[in-house]
PDB file of N, CA and C in Angstrom:
ATOM      1  N   MET A   1     119.700  99.512  96.020  1.00  0.00           N
ATOM      2  CA  MET A   1     119.034 100.191  95.074  1.00  0.00           C
ATOM      3  C   MET A   1     118.448 101.468  95.436  1.00  0.00           C
ATOM      4  N   ILE A   2     118.154 101.864  97.059  1.00  0.00           N
ATOM      5  CA  ILE A   2     118.880 102.933  97.600  1.00  0.00           C
ATOM      6  C   ILE A   2     118.720 103.508  98.803  1.00  0.00           C
ATOM      7  N   ALA A   3     119.857 104.048  98.284  1.00  0.00           N
ATOM      8  CA  ALA A   3     120.802 104.719  98.829  1.00  0.00           C
ATOM      9  C   ALA A   3     119.812 106.083 100.151  1.00  0.00           C
ATOM     10  N   PRO A   4     120.266 105.772 101.260  1.00  0.00           N
ATOM     11  CA  PRO A   4     119.391 106.981 102.149  1.00  0.00           C
ATOM     12  C   PRO A   4     120.707 108.632 102.523  1.00  0.00           C
ATOM     13  N   LYS A   5     122.154 107.816 101.994  1.00  0.00           N
ATOM     14  CA  LYS A   5     123.382 109.148 102.465  1.00  0.00           C
ATOM     15  C   LYS A   5     124.225 109.421 101.393  1.00  0.00           C
ATOM     16  N   ALA A   6     122.953 109.151 100.101  1.00  0.00           N
ATOM     17  CA  ALA A   6     123.839 109.406  98.658  1.00  0.00           C
ATOM     18  C   ALA A   6     123.544 110.938  98.699  1.00  0.00           C
ATOM     19  N   GLY A   7     124.040 111.107  97.193  1.00  0.00           N
ATOM     20  CA  GLY A   7     123.814 112.463  97.134  1.00  0.00           C
ATOM     21  C   GLY A   7     122.356 112.837  96.561  1.00  0.00           C
ATOM     22  N   LEU A   8     121.547 112.298  96.203  1.00  0.00           N
ATOM     23  CA  LEU A   8     120.044 112.410  96.088  1.00  0.00           C
ATOM     24  C   LEU A   8     118.704 112.104  97.007  1.00  0.00           C
ATOM     25  N   SER A   9     117.813 112.626  97.655  1.00  0.00           N
ATOM     26  CA  SER A   9     117.070 112.691  98.961  1.00  0.00           C
ATOM     27  C   SER A   9     116.274 110.646  98.515  1.00  0.00           C
ATOM     28  N   VAL A  10     115.468 110.948  99.453  1.00  0.00           N
ATOM     29  CA  VAL A  10     115.389 109.532  99.571  1.00  0.00           C
ATOM     30  C   VAL A  10     114.057 109.283  98.279  1.00  0.00           C
ATOM     31  N   SER A  11     113.459 110.862  99.136  1.00  0.00           N
ATOM     32  CA  SER A  11     112.607 111.230  97.797  1.00  0.00           C
ATOM     33  C   SER A  11     112.076 110.778  96.517  1.00  0.00           C
ATOM     34  N   ARG A  12     113.414 111.690  95.922  1.00  0.00           N
ATOM     35  CA  ARG A  12     114.280 112.073  94.758  1.00  0.00           C
ATOM     36  C   ARG A  12     114.483 110.391  93.722  1.00  0.00           C
ATOM     37  N   GLN A  13     115.228 109.598  94.319  1.00  0.00           N
ATOM     38  CA  GLN A  13     115.179 108.147  94.416  1.00  0.00           C
ATOM     39  C   GLN A  13     113.927 107.129  94.523  1.00  0.00           C
ATOM     40  N   CYS A  14     113.191 107.914  94.572  1.00  0.00           N
ATOM     41  CA  CYS A  14     111.943 106.890  94.922  1.00  0.00           C
ATOM     42  C   CYS A  14     111.287 107.275  93.825  1.00  0.00           C
ATOM     43  N   THR A  15     111.468 108.312  93.719  1.00  0.00           N
ATOM     44  CA  THR A  15     110.403 108.962  92.219  1.00  0.00           C
ATOM     45  C   THR A  15     110.986 108.021  91.216  1.00  0.00           C
ATOM     46  N   LEU A  16     113.147 108.133  90.847  1.00  0.00           N
ATOM     47  CA  LEU A  16     113.201 108.016  89.853  1.00  0.00           C
ATOM     48  C   LEU A  16     113.178 105.809  89.558  1.00  0.00           C
ATOM     49  N   LEU A  17     112.803 105.934  90.576  1.00  0.00           N
ATOM     50  CA  LEU A  17     112.762 104.129  90.581  1.00  0.00           C
ATOM     51  C   LEU A  17     111.135 103.629  90.579  1.00  0.00           C
ATOM     52  N   GLU A  18     110.231 105.041  90.250  1.00  0.00           N
ATOM     53  CA  GLU A  18     108.888 104.631  90.501  1.00  0.00           C
ATOM     54  C   GLU A  18     108.225 103.599  91.457  1.00  0.00           C
ATOM     55  N   ILE A  19     108.688 103.854  92.498  1.00  0.00           N
ATOM     56  CA  ILE A  19     108.486 103.413  93.992  1.00  0.00           C
ATOM     57  C   ILE A  19     107.937 104.571  94.679  1.00  0.00           C
ATOM     58  N   ALA A  20     107.070 104.166  95.946  1.00  0.00           N
ATOM     59  CA  ALA A  20     105.968 105.021  96.708  1.00  0.00           C
ATOM     60  C   ALA A  20     107.378 105.006  97.414  1.00  0.00           C
ATOM     61  N   ARG A  21     107.164 106.202  98.441  1.00  0.00           N
ATOM     62  CA  ARG A  21     108.369 106.033  99.002  1.00  0.00           C
ATOM     63  C   ARG A  21     107.766 104.934 100.827  1.00  0.00           C
ATOM     64  N   SER A  22     105.987 104.774 100.947  1.00  0.00           N
ATOM     65  CA  SER A  22     106.807 104.120 101.897  1.00  0.00           C
ATOM     66  C   SER A  22     107.216 102.863 101.624  1.00  0.00           C
ATOM     67  N   SER A  23     106.628 102.336 100.615  1.00  0.00           N
ATOM     68  CA  SER A  23     106.982 101.349 100.291  1.00  0.00           C
ATOM     69  C   SER A  23     108.537 100.556 100.793  1.00  0.00           C
ATOM     70  N   PHE A  24     109.334 102.372 101.114  1.00  0.00           N
ATOM     71  CA  PHE A  24     110.819 102.196 101.010  1.00  0.00           C
ATOM     72  C   PHE A  24     110.856 101.956 102.555  1.00  0.00           C
ATOM     73  N   TYR A  25     110.113 102.654 103.738  1.00  0.00           N
ATOM     74  CA  TYR A  25     110.545 102.511 104.375  1.00  0.00           C
ATOM     75  C   TYR A  25     109.795 101.583 105.329  1.00  0.00           C
ATOM     76  N   TYR A  26     108.720 100.426 104.222  1.00  0.00           N
ATOM     77  CA  TYR A  26     107.708  99.348 104.980  1.00  0.00           C
ATOM     78  C   TYR A  26     109.113  98.182 105.565  1.00  0.00           C
ATOM     79  N   ARG A  27     108.175  98.284 106.648  1.00  0.00           N
ATOM     80  CA  ARG A  27     109.558  96.461 107.199  1.00  0.00           C
ATOM     81  C   ARG A  27     108.408  95.766 107.402  1.00  0.00           C
ATOM     82  N   PRO A  28     108.026  94.234 106.811  1.00  0.00           N
ATOM     83  CA  PRO A  28     107.074  93.266 106.789  1.00  0.00           C
ATOM     84  C   PRO A  28     107.116  92.984 108.461  1.00  0.00           C
ATOM     85  N   ARG A  29     105.935  92.427 109.430  1.00  0.00           N
ATOM     86  CA  ARG A  29     105.385  92.317 110.487  1.00  0.00           C
ATOM     87  C   ARG A  29     105.495  90.704 110.329  1.00  0.00           C
ATOM     88  N   SER A  30     106.465  90.505 110.881  1.00  0.00           N
ATOM     89  CA  SER A  30     106.593  88.435 111.144  1.00  0.00           C
ATOM     90  C   SER A  30     105.306  88.078 112.045  1.00  0.00           C
ATOM     91  N   GLU A  31     104.925  86.859 111.167  1.00  0.00           N
ATOM     92  CA  GLU A  31     103.576  86.532 111.453  1.00  0.00           C
ATOM     93  C   GLU A  31     103.143  86.179 113.419  1.00  0.00           C
ATOM     94  N   PRO A  32     102.180  86.224 114.086  1.00  0.00           N
ATOM     95  CA  PRO A  32     101.770  86.773 115.261  1.00  0.00           C
ATOM     96  C   PRO A  32     101.600  84.912 116.047  1.00  0.00           C
ATOM     97  N   ALA A  33     102.110  84.486 117.405  1.00  0.00           N
ATOM     98  CA  ALA A  33     101.903  83.170 117.003  1.00  0.00           C
ATOM     99  C   ALA A  33     100.414  82.290 117.049  1.00  0.00           C
ATOM    100  N   GLU A  34      99.262  83.383 117.521  1.00  0.00           N
ATOM    101  CA  GLU A  34      98.471  82.703 117.434  1.00  0.00           C
ATOM    102  C   GLU A  34      98.068  82.790 116.641  1.00  0.00           C
ATOM    103  N   GLU A  35      98.145  83.613 115.598  1.00  0.00           N
ATOM    104  CA  GLU A  35      97.722  82.842 113.899  1.00  0.00           C
ATOM    105  C   GLU A  35      98.378  81.265 113.333  1.00  0.00           C
ATOM    106  N   LEU A  36      99.772  81.587 113.378  1.00  0.00           N
ATOM    107  CA  LEU A  36      99.985  80.197 113.549  1.00  0.00           C
ATOM    108  C   LEU A  36     100.254  79.379 114.152  1.00  0.00           C
ATOM    109  N   HIS A  37      99.074  79.606 114.779  1.00  0.00           N
ATOM    110  CA  HIS A  37      98.605  78.311 115.882  1.00  0.00           C
ATOM    111  C   HIS A  37      97.246  78.115 114.679  1.00  0.00           C
ATOM    112  N   LEU A  38      96.236  79.056 114.600  1.00  0.00           N
ATOM    113  CA  LEU A  38      94.948  79.031 114.114  1.00  0.00           C
ATOM    114  C   LEU A  38      95.029  78.288 112.588  1.00  0.00           C
ATOM    115  N   LEU A  39      96.551  78.531 111.990  1.00  0.00           N
ATOM    116  CA  LEU A  39      96.725  78.116 110.802  1.00  0.00           C
ATOM    117  C   LEU A  39      97.060  76.350 110.560  1.00  0.00           C
ATOM    118  N   LYS A  40      97.035  76.495 111.524  1.00  0.00           N
ATOM    119  CA  LYS A  40      97.658  74.209 112.191  1.00  0.00           C
ATOM    120  C   LYS A  40      96.676  73.962 111.917  1.00  0.00           C
ATOM    121  N   ARG A  41      95.685  75.231 113.234  1.00  0.00           N
ATOM    122  CA  ARG A  41      93.893  73.978 113.509  1.00  0.00           C
ATOM    123  C   ARG A  41      93.055  74.607 112.036  1.00  0.00           C
ATOM    124  N   LEU A  42      93.371  75.115 111.456  1.00  0.00           N
ATOM    125  CA  LEU A  42      92.326  75.401 110.690  1.00  0.00           C
ATOM    126  C   LEU A  42      93.216  74.197 109.297  1.00  0.00           C
ATOM    127  N   ASP A  43      93.932  73.503 109.483  1.00  0.00           N
ATOM    128  CA  ASP A  43      94.553  73.009 108.087  1.00  0.00           C
ATOM    129  C   ASP A  43      94.276  71.337 108.426  1.00  0.00           C
ATOM    130  N   ARG A  44      94.840  71.385 109.807  1.00  0.00           N
ATOM    131  CA  ARG A  44      93.906  70.383 110.547  1.00  0.00           C
ATOM    132  C   ARG A  44      92.810  69.539 109.893  1.00  0.00           C
ATOM    133  N   ILE A  45      91.781  70.643 110.273  1.00  0.00           N
ATOM    134  CA  ILE A  45      90.489  70.033 110.187  1.00  0.00           C
ATOM    135  C   ILE A  45      90.108  70.343 108.533  1.00  0.00           C
ATOM    136  N   PHE A  46      90.594  70.692 108.101  1.00  0.00           N
ATOM    137  CA  PHE A  46      90.636  71.020 106.444  1.00  0.00           C
ATOM    138  C   PHE A  46      91.094  70.099 105.829  1.00  0.00           C
ATOM    139  N   THR A  47      91.970  68.894 106.071  1.00  0.00           N
ATOM    140  CA  THR A  47      92.554  67.540 106.380  1.00  0.00           C
ATOM    141  C   THR A  47      91.681  66.538 106.111  1.00  0.00           C
ATOM    142  N   ASP A  48      91.300  66.439 107.477  1.00  0.00           N
ATOM    143  CA  ASP A  48      89.768  65.872 107.888  1.00  0.00           C
ATOM    144  C   ASP A  48      89.107  65.676 106.638  1.00  0.00           C
ATOM    145  N   HIS A  49      88.312  67.217 106.742  1.00  0.00           N
ATOM    146  CA  HIS A  49      86.915  67.196 106.303  1.00  0.00           C
ATOM    147  C   HIS A  49      86.938  68.286 104.884  1.00  0.00           C
ATOM    148  N   PRO A  50      87.963  68.089 104.028  1.00  0.00           N
ATOM    149  CA  PRO A  50      88.219  69.059 102.285  1.00  0.00           C
ATOM    150  C   PRO A  50      87.092  69.132 102.415  1.00  0.00           C
ATOM    151  N   VAL A  51      85.920  69.137 102.278  1.00  0.00           N
ATOM    152  CA  VAL A  51      85.279  69.365 101.951  1.00  0.00           C
ATOM    153  C   VAL A  51      84.122  70.771 102.944  1.00  0.00           C
ATOM    154  N   TYR A  52      85.430  71.037 103.792  1.00  0.00           N
ATOM    155  CA  TYR A  52      84.167  72.527 104.362  1.00  0.00           C
ATOM    156  C   TYR A  52      84.880  72.993 103.726  1.00  0.00           C
ATOM    157  N   GLY A  53      83.764  74.126 103.969  1.00  0.00           N
ATOM    158  CA  GLY A  53      84.595  76.523 103.453  1.00  0.00           C
ATOM    159  C   GLY A  53      84.520  76.926 104.480  1.00  0.00           C
ATOM    160  N   SER A  54      84.569  78.185 104.451  1.00  0.00           N
ATOM    161  CA  SER A  54      84.567  78.893 105.531  1.00  0.00           C
ATOM    162  C   SER A  54      83.763  78.867 107.167  1.00  0.00           C
ATOM    163  N   ARG A  55      82.452  78.667 106.609  1.00  0.00           N
ATOM    164  CA  ARG A  55      81.544  78.855 107.165  1.00  0.00           C
ATOM    165  C   ARG A  55      81.109  77.278 107.996  1.00  0.00           C
ATOM    166  N   ARG A  56      81.763  76.492 107.616  1.00  0.00           N
ATOM    167  CA  ARG A  56      81.387  74.874 108.027  1.00  0.00           C
ATOM    168  C   ARG A  56      83.129  75.034 109.254  1.00  0.00           C
ATOM    169  N   LEU A  57      84.229  75.729 108.745  1.00  0.00           N
ATOM    170  CA  LEU A  57      85.078  75.558 109.436  1.00  0.00           C
ATOM    171  C   LEU A  57      85.006  76.135 110.480  1.00  0.00           C
ATOM    172  N   GLN A  58      84.489  77.043 110.187  1.00  0.00           N
ATOM    173  CA  GLN A  58      84.471  78.269 111.591  1.00  0.00           C
ATOM    174  C   GLN A  58      83.327  77.645 112.957  1.00  0.00           C
ATOM    175  N   VAL A  59      82.381  76.864 112.136  1.00  0.00           N
ATOM    176  CA  VAL A  59      81.578  75.862 113.142  1.00  0.00           C
ATOM    177  C   VAL A  59      82.769  75.202 114.298  1.00  0.00           C
ATOM    178  N   GLY A  60      83.561  74.081 113.172  1.00  0.00           N
ATOM    179  CA  GLY A  60      84.438  73.712 113.746  1.00  0.00           C
ATOM    180  C   GLY A  60      85.735  74.141 114.674  1.00  0.00           C
ATOM    181  N   LEU A  61      85.938  75.509 114.981  1.00  0.00           N
ATOM    182  CA  LEU A  61      86.438  76.113 115.072  1.00  0.00           C
ATOM    183  C   LEU A  61      85.841  76.656 116.060  1.00  0.00           C
ATOM    184  N   SER A  62      84.643  77.164 116.157  1.00  0.00           N
ATOM    185  CA  SER A  62      83.932  77.258 117.003  1.00  0.00           C
ATOM    186  C   SER A  62      83.764  76.452 118.879  1.00  0.00           C
ATOM    187  N   ARG A  63      83.853  75.334 118.376  1.00  0.00           N
ATOM    188  CA  ARG A  63      82.872  73.117 119.364  1.00  0.00           C
ATOM    189  C   ARG A  63      84.749  73.579 119.419  1.00  0.00           C
ATOM    190  N   GLU A  64      85.842  74.119 118.850  1.00  0.00           N
ATOM    191  CA  GLU A  64      86.558  74.042 119.690  1.00  0.00           C
ATOM    192  C   GLU A  64      87.314  74.836 120.700  1.00  0.00           C
ATOM    193  N   GLY A  65      86.357  75.491 120.565  1.00  0.00           N
ATOM    194  CA  GLY A  65      86.172  76.948 121.948  1.00  0.00           C
ATOM    195  C   GLY A  65      87.235  78.185 120.965  1.00  0.00           C
ATOM    196  N   VAL A  66      87.249  77.755 119.419  1.00  0.00           N
ATOM    197  CA  VAL A  66      88.096  79.091 119.024  1.00  0.00           C
ATOM    198  C   VAL A  66      87.186  79.881 118.992  1.00  0.00           C
ATOM    199  N   PRO A  67      86.731  81.210 118.888  1.00  0.00           N
ATOM    200  CA  PRO A  67      85.656  82.285 118.301  1.00  0.00           C
ATOM    201  C   PRO A  67      86.908  82.952 117.275  1.00  0.00           C
ATOM    202  N   VAL A  68      86.921  82.985 116.178  1.00  0.00           N
ATOM    203  CA  VAL A  68      86.905  83.596 115.617  1.00  0.00           C
ATOM    204  C   VAL A  68      86.023  83.589 113.871  1.00  0.00           C
ATOM    205  N   GLY A  69      86.096  84.550 113.639  1.00  0.00           N
ATOM    206  CA  GLY A  69      85.564  84.870 112.492  1.00  0.00           C
ATOM    207  C   GLY A  69      85.531  84.515 111.217  1.00  0.00           C
ATOM    208  N   ARG A  70      84.226  84.357 110.268  1.00  0.00           N
ATOM    209  CA  ARG A  70      84.569  83.583 109.098  1.00  0.00           C
ATOM    210  C   ARG A  70      84.988  84.556 108.006  1.00  0.00           C
ATOM    211  N   ARG A  71      85.275  85.399 107.952  1.00  0.00           N
ATOM    212  CA  ARG A  71      86.053  86.695 106.599  1.00  0.00           C
ATOM    213  C   ARG A  71      87.520  86.154 107.288  1.00  0.00           C
ATOM    214  N   ARG A  72      87.808  86.161 108.627  1.00  0.00           N
ATOM    215  CA  ARG A  72      88.864  85.818 109.102  1.00  0.00           C
ATOM    216  C   ARG A  72      89.720  85.205 108.665  1.00  0.00           C
ATOM    217  N   ILE A  73      89.142  83.281 108.243  1.00  0.00           N
ATOM    218  CA  ILE A  73      88.838  82.257 107.551  1.00  0.00           C
ATOM    219  C   ILE A  73      89.267  82.202 106.857  1.00  0.00           C
ATOM    220  N   ARG A  74      87.869  82.834 105.856  1.00  0.00           N
ATOM    221  CA  ARG A  74      88.385  82.547 104.934  1.00  0.00           C
ATOM    222  C   ARG A  74      89.937  83.785 103.885  1.00  0.00           C
ATOM    223  N   ARG A  75      90.304  84.551 105.017  1.00  0.00           N
ATOM    224  CA  ARG A  75      91.892  85.275 104.481  1.00  0.00           C
ATOM    225  C   ARG A  75      92.578  83.860 104.528  1.00  0.00           C
ATOM    226  N   LEU A  76      92.260  83.535 105.655  1.00  0.00           N
ATOM    227  CA  LEU A  76      93.496  82.088 106.166  1.00  0.00           C
ATOM    228  C   LEU A  76      93.564  80.979 105.025  1.00  0.00           C
ATOM    229  N   MET A  77      92.414  80.869 104.598  1.00  0.00           N
ATOM    230  CA  MET A  77      92.063  79.618 103.297  1.00  0.00           C
ATOM    231  C   MET A  77      92.752  80.024 102.406  1.00  0.00           C
ATOM    232  N   ARG A  78      92.767  81.512 101.705  1.00  0.00           N
ATOM    233  CA  ARG A  78      93.619  82.074 100.884  1.00  0.00           C
ATOM    234  C   ARG A  78      94.876  81.484 101.035  1.00  0.00           C
ATOM    235  N   LYS A  79      95.340  82.733 101.985  1.00  0.00           N
ATOM    236  CA  LYS A  79      97.081  82.370 102.575  1.00  0.00           C
ATOM    237  C   LYS A  79      97.295  80.978 101.960  1.00  0.00           C
ATOM    238  N   LEU A  80      96.601  79.896 102.723  1.00  0.00           N
ATOM    239  CA  LEU A  80      97.032  78.691 102.844  1.00  0.00           C
ATOM    240  C   LEU A  80      96.488  77.785 101.800  1.00  0.00           C
ATOM    241  N   GLY A  81      95.879  78.824 100.465  1.00  0.00           N
ATOM    242  CA  GLY A  81      95.958  77.919  99.274  1.00  0.00           C
ATOM    243  C   GLY A  81      94.485  76.938  99.316  1.00  0.00           C
ATOM    244  N   LEU A  82      94.017  77.021 100.461  1.00  0.00           N
ATOM    245  CA  LEU A  82      92.851  75.849 100.536  1.00  0.00           C
ATOM    246  C   LEU A  82      91.281  76.020 100.384  1.00  0.00           C
ATOM    247  N   TRP A  83      90.375  75.585  99.506  1.00  0.00           N
ATOM    248  CA  TRP A  83      89.478  75.656  99.134  1.00  0.00           C
ATOM    249  C   TRP A  83      88.864  74.473  98.848  1.00  0.00           C
ATOM    250  N   ALA A  84      87.212  74.520  99.156  1.00  0.00           N
ATOM    251  CA  ALA A  84      86.289  73.509  99.728  1.00  0.00           C
ATOM    252  C   ALA A  84      86.067  72.742  97.982  1.00  0.00           C
ATOM    253  N   VAL A  85      86.406  71.159  98.112  1.00  0.00           N
ATOM    254  CA  VAL A  85      85.618  69.899  97.104  1.00  0.00           C
ATOM    255  C   VAL A  85      84.465  70.216  97.072  1.00  0.00           C
ATOM    256  N   ARG A  86      83.858  70.417  96.027  1.00  0.00           N
ATOM    257  CA  ARG A  86      82.346  70.499  95.762  1.00  0.00           C
ATOM    258  C   ARG A  86      82.115  70.067  93.718  1.00  0.00           C
ATOM    259  N   PRO A  87      81.095  69.482  93.940  1.00  0.00           N
ATOM    260  CA  PRO A  87      80.720  69.289  93.056  1.00  0.00           C
ATOM    261  C   PRO A  87      80.606  70.495  91.725  1.00  0.00           C
ATOM    262  N   LYS A  88      80.934  70.251  90.774  1.00  0.00           N
ATOM    263  CA  LYS A  88      80.713  71.547  89.430  1.00  0.00           C
ATOM    264  C   LYS A  88      79.450  71.766  88.975  1.00  0.00           C
ATOM    265  N   ARG A  89      79.195  72.957  88.612  1.00  0.00           N
ATOM    266  CA  ARG A  89      78.228  72.797  87.712  1.00  0.00           C
ATOM    267  C   ARG A  89      77.706  72.062  86.338  1.00  0.00           C
ATOM    268  N   ASN A  90      76.740  71.316  86.365  1.00  0.00           N
ATOM    269  CA  ASN A  90      76.546  70.000  84.951  1.00  0.00           C
ATOM    270  C   ASN A  90      74.614  70.722  84.707  1.00  0.00           C
ATOM    271  N   THR A  91      74.640  71.793  84.923  1.00  0.00           N
ATOM    272  CA  THR A  91      72.799  71.962  84.467  1.00  0.00           C
ATOM    273  C   THR A  91      72.845  71.811  82.789  1.00  0.00           C
ATOM    274  N   SER A  92      73.761  72.134  82.438  1.00  0.00           N
ATOM    275  CA  SER A  92      73.825  72.024  80.560  1.00  0.00           C
ATOM    276  C   SER A  92      74.989  70.497  79.742  1.00  0.00           C
ATOM    277  N   LYS A  93      74.429  69.562  80.640  1.00  0.00           N
ATOM    278  CA  LYS A  93      75.020  68.247  79.757  1.00  0.00           C
ATOM    279  C   LYS A  93      73.816  67.460  80.217  1.00  0.00           C
ATOM    280  N   PRO A  94      73.541  67.010  78.868  1.00  0.00           N
ATOM    281  CA  PRO A  94      72.908  65.534  79.165  1.00  0.00           C
ATOM    282  C   PRO A  94      73.218  64.679  79.556  1.00  0.00           C
ATOM    283  N   ASN A  95      71.896  63.733  79.934  1.00  0.00           N
ATOM    284  CA  ASN A  95      72.458  62.190  80.341  1.00  0.00           C
ATOM    285  C   ASN A  95      72.032  61.727  79.214  1.00  0.00           C
ATOM    286  N   PRO A  96      73.578  60.747  78.677  1.00  0.00           N
ATOM    287  CA  PRO A  96      73.085  60.288  77.344  1.00  0.00           C
ATOM    288  C   PRO A  96      72.301  58.551  77.293  1.00  0.00           C
ATOM    289  N   ALA A  97      72.275  58.057  78.590  1.00  0.00           N
ATOM    290  CA  ALA A  97      70.926  57.652  79.338  1.00  0.00           C
ATOM    291  C   ALA A  97      69.375  57.785  78.560  1.00  0.00           C
ATOM    292  N   HIS A  98      69.472  59.124  78.295  1.00  0.00           N
ATOM    293  CA  HIS A  98      67.851  59.810  79.372  1.00  0.00           C
ATOM    294  C   HIS A  98      67.019  59.716  77.964  1.00  0.00           C
ATOM    295  N   LYS A  99      65.896  59.561  77.415  1.00  0.00           N
ATOM    296  CA  LYS A  99      65.526  60.231  76.137  1.00  0.00           C
ATOM    297  C   LYS A  99      64.898  61.324  75.890  1.00  0.00           C
ATOM    298  N   VAL A 100      64.986  61.567  74.644  1.00  0.00           N
ATOM    299  CA  VAL A 100      64.923  62.475  74.393  1.00  0.00           C
ATOM    300  C   VAL A 100      63.732  62.886  73.421  1.00  0.00           C
ATOM    301  N   TYR A 101      62.520  63.313  73.622  1.00  0.00           N
ATOM    302  CA  TYR A 101      61.677  63.337  73.415  1.00  0.00           C
ATOM    303  C   TYR A 101      61.058  64.566  71.919  1.00  0.00           C
ATOM    304  N   PRO A 102      60.506  63.820  70.855  1.00  0.00           N
ATOM    305  CA  PRO A 102      60.227  64.605  69.297  1.00  0.00           C
ATOM    306  C   PRO A 102      59.790  66.416  70.128  1.00  0.00           C
ATOM    307  N   TYR A 103      59.421  67.207  69.452  1.00  0.00           N
ATOM    308  CA  TYR A 103      58.852  68.158  70.099  1.00  0.00           C
ATOM    309  C   TYR A 103      57.439  68.437  68.222  1.00  0.00           C
ATOM    310  N   LEU A 104      57.135  67.835  68.997  1.00  0.00           N
ATOM    311  CA  LEU A 104      55.704  67.358  68.039  1.00  0.00           C
ATOM    312  C   LEU A 104      54.960  68.674  67.020  1.00  0.00           C
ATOM    313  N   LEU A 105      54.969  70.340  67.717  1.00  0.00           N
ATOM    314  CA  LEU A 105      54.038  71.071  67.373  1.00  0.00           C
ATOM    315  C   LEU A 105      55.866  72.367  66.334  1.00  0.00           C
ATOM    316  N   ARG A 106      56.739  71.292  65.895  1.00  0.00           N
ATOM    317  CA  ARG A 106      57.669  71.764  65.356  1.00  0.00           C
ATOM    318  C   ARG A 106      56.706  71.749  63.696  1.00  0.00           C
ATOM    319  N   GLY A 107      57.309  72.967  63.338  1.00  0.00           N
ATOM    320  CA  GLY A 107      56.375  73.213  61.352  1.00  0.00           C
ATOM    321  C   GLY A 107      55.309  73.474  61.932  1.00  0.00           C
ATOM    322  N   LYS A 108      54.133  73.306  62.568  1.00  0.00           N
ATOM    323  CA  LYS A 108      53.086  73.258  62.791  1.00  0.00           C
ATOM    324  C   LYS A 108      52.902  74.602  63.013  1.00  0.00           C
ATOM    325  N   VAL A 109      51.422  75.055  62.146  1.00  0.00           N
ATOM    326  CA  VAL A 109      51.142  76.875  62.426  1.00  0.00           C
ATOM    327  C   VAL A 109      49.706  76.111  63.226  1.00  0.00           C
ATOM    328  N   ILE A 110      50.008  77.012  64.360  1.00  0.00           N
ATOM    329  CA  ILE A 110      49.089  77.275  65.705  1.00  0.00           C
ATOM    330  C   ILE A 110      48.382  78.667  64.977  1.00  0.00           C
ATOM    331  N   ASP A 111      46.434  78.945  64.819  1.00  0.00           N
ATOM    332  CA  ASP A 111      46.380  80.241  64.550  1.00  0.00           C
ATOM    333  C   ASP A 111      45.140  80.355  64.787  1.00  0.00           C
ATOM    334  N   GLN A 112      44.401  78.677  66.257  1.00  0.00           N
ATOM    335  CA  GLN A 112      43.636  78.932  67.039  1.00  0.00           C
ATOM    336  C   GLN A 112      43.687  78.554  68.136  1.00  0.00           C
ATOM    337  N   PRO A 113      42.819  79.167  69.477  1.00  0.00           N
ATOM    338  CA  PRO A 113      42.923  78.709  70.283  1.00  0.00           C
ATOM    339  C   PRO A 113      42.186  77.416  70.964  1.00  0.00           C
ATOM    340  N   ASN A 114      43.548  76.539  71.407  1.00  0.00           N
ATOM    341  CA  ASN A 114      43.888  75.330  71.798  1.00  0.00           C
ATOM    342  C   ASN A 114      43.647  74.905  70.620  1.00  0.00           C
ATOM    343  N   GLN A 115      44.519  74.609  69.453  1.00  0.00           N
ATOM    344  CA  GLN A 115      45.258  74.164  68.457  1.00  0.00           C
ATOM    345  C   GLN A 115      45.905  72.790  69.225  1.00  0.00           C
ATOM    346  N   SER A 116      47.009  73.362  70.104  1.00  0.00           N
ATOM    347  CA  SER A 116      48.338  73.229  70.610  1.00  0.00           C
ATOM    348  C   SER A 116      47.821  71.632  71.276  1.00  0.00           C
ATOM    349  N   LEU A 117      46.428  71.936  71.984  1.00  0.00           N
ATOM    350  CA  LEU A 117      46.313  70.327  72.985  1.00  0.00           C
ATOM    351  C   LEU A 117      45.947  69.357  72.430  1.00  0.00           C
ATOM    352  N   PRO A 118      45.865  67.877  72.690  1.00  0.00           N
ATOM    353  CA  PRO A 118      45.890  67.135  72.164  1.00  0.00           C
ATOM    354  C   PRO A 118      44.251  66.696  72.569  1.00  0.00           C
ATOM    355  N   PRO A 119      43.724  66.273  71.659  1.00  0.00           N
ATOM    356  CA  PRO A 119      42.202  65.365  71.715  1.00  0.00           C
ATOM    357  C   PRO A 119      41.688  64.872  73.388  1.00  0.00           C
ATOM    358  N   ARG A 120      40.727  65.700  73.908  1.00  0.00           N
ATOM    359  CA  ARG A 120      40.494  65.406  75.276  1.00  0.00           C
ATOM    360  C   ARG A 120      39.620  63.403  75.195  1.00  0.00           C
ATOM    361  N   ARG A 121      40.243  62.009  75.617  1.00  0.00           N
ATOM    362  CA  ARG A 121      39.596  60.942  75.440  1.00  0.00           C
ATOM    363  C   ARG A 121      39.041  60.541  77.076  1.00  0.00           C
ATOM    364  N   ARG A 122      37.597  59.876  76.621  1.00  0.00           N
ATOM    365  CA  ARG A 122      37.433  59.299  77.197  1.00  0.00           C
ATOM    366  C   ARG A 122      37.298  58.153  77.932  1.00  0.00           C
ATOM    367  N   GLY A 123      36.686  57.478  78.554  1.00  0.00           N
ATOM    368  CA  GLY A 123      37.213  56.006  79.612  1.00  0.00           C
ATOM    369  C   GLY A 123      37.352  54.731  78.133  1.00  0.00           C
ATOM    370  N   CYS A 124      36.226  54.669  76.885  1.00  0.00           N
ATOM    371  CA  CYS A 124      36.471  53.768  75.956  1.00  0.00           C
ATOM    372  C   CYS A 124      37.402  53.739  74.892  1.00  0.00           C
ATOM    373  N   GLY A 125      38.883  54.672  75.140  1.00  0.00           N
ATOM    374  CA  GLY A 125      39.284  54.973  73.919  1.00  0.00           C
ATOM    375  C   GLY A 125      38.912  55.980  72.974  1.00  0.00           C
ATOM    376  N   ARG A 126      37.454  56.312  72.401  1.00  0.00           N
ATOM    377  CA  ARG A 126      37.262  57.443  71.930  1.00  0.00           C
ATOM    378  C   ARG A 126      37.280  58.596  71.871  1.00  0.00           C
ATOM    379  N   ALA A 127      38.220  59.673  70.391  1.00  0.00           N
ATOM    380  CA  ALA A 127      38.116  60.899  70.853  1.00  0.00           C
ATOM    381  C   ALA A 127      36.433  61.407  70.576  1.00  0.00           C
ATOM    382  N   ILE A 128      36.470  62.405  71.081  1.00  0.00           N
ATOM    383  CA  ILE A 128      35.380  62.907  71.608  1.00  0.00           C
ATOM    384  C   ILE A 128      34.856  64.092  70.130  1.00  0.00           C
TER     385      ILE A 128
END
C-alpha cells in the first residue's frame, strides 16, 4: 500500500490515499495482562448476575478487592458487548384487563364556576 522507499514521500503517499500520516506510523499495542484478568472477572460476575450494570459491577469488584472506576467498567462492558438486562418502558401500553372510564364532560359546555363538579350528597342520599 504505502512503500516508504518508493519515489514519493510517505507524506505524499498518505495524501494520495486520503489517510492521516499518523495512521501509517500507528502500531497497535497488545492488551495488558491486568486488563485481560479484569475482563475475565467482569465476564464471570456478569454471567452470574446479568441484571448488574456498571455501578453494581464496580461494587462487586470492590468487594473482591479490585479498585476500579465505573467509567473503566463501562468501557470494558462495551468492549465485551455486555449490557444489563432490564425491563423496557411500558408507560403507554394500557392493560386490557383494566376498566376504561368514560369522560363524562365530553360535549358539555362549562360556562359557570363549579359547573363540572358533581352535586353534594347528604347522609340520606338526597341532593342538596
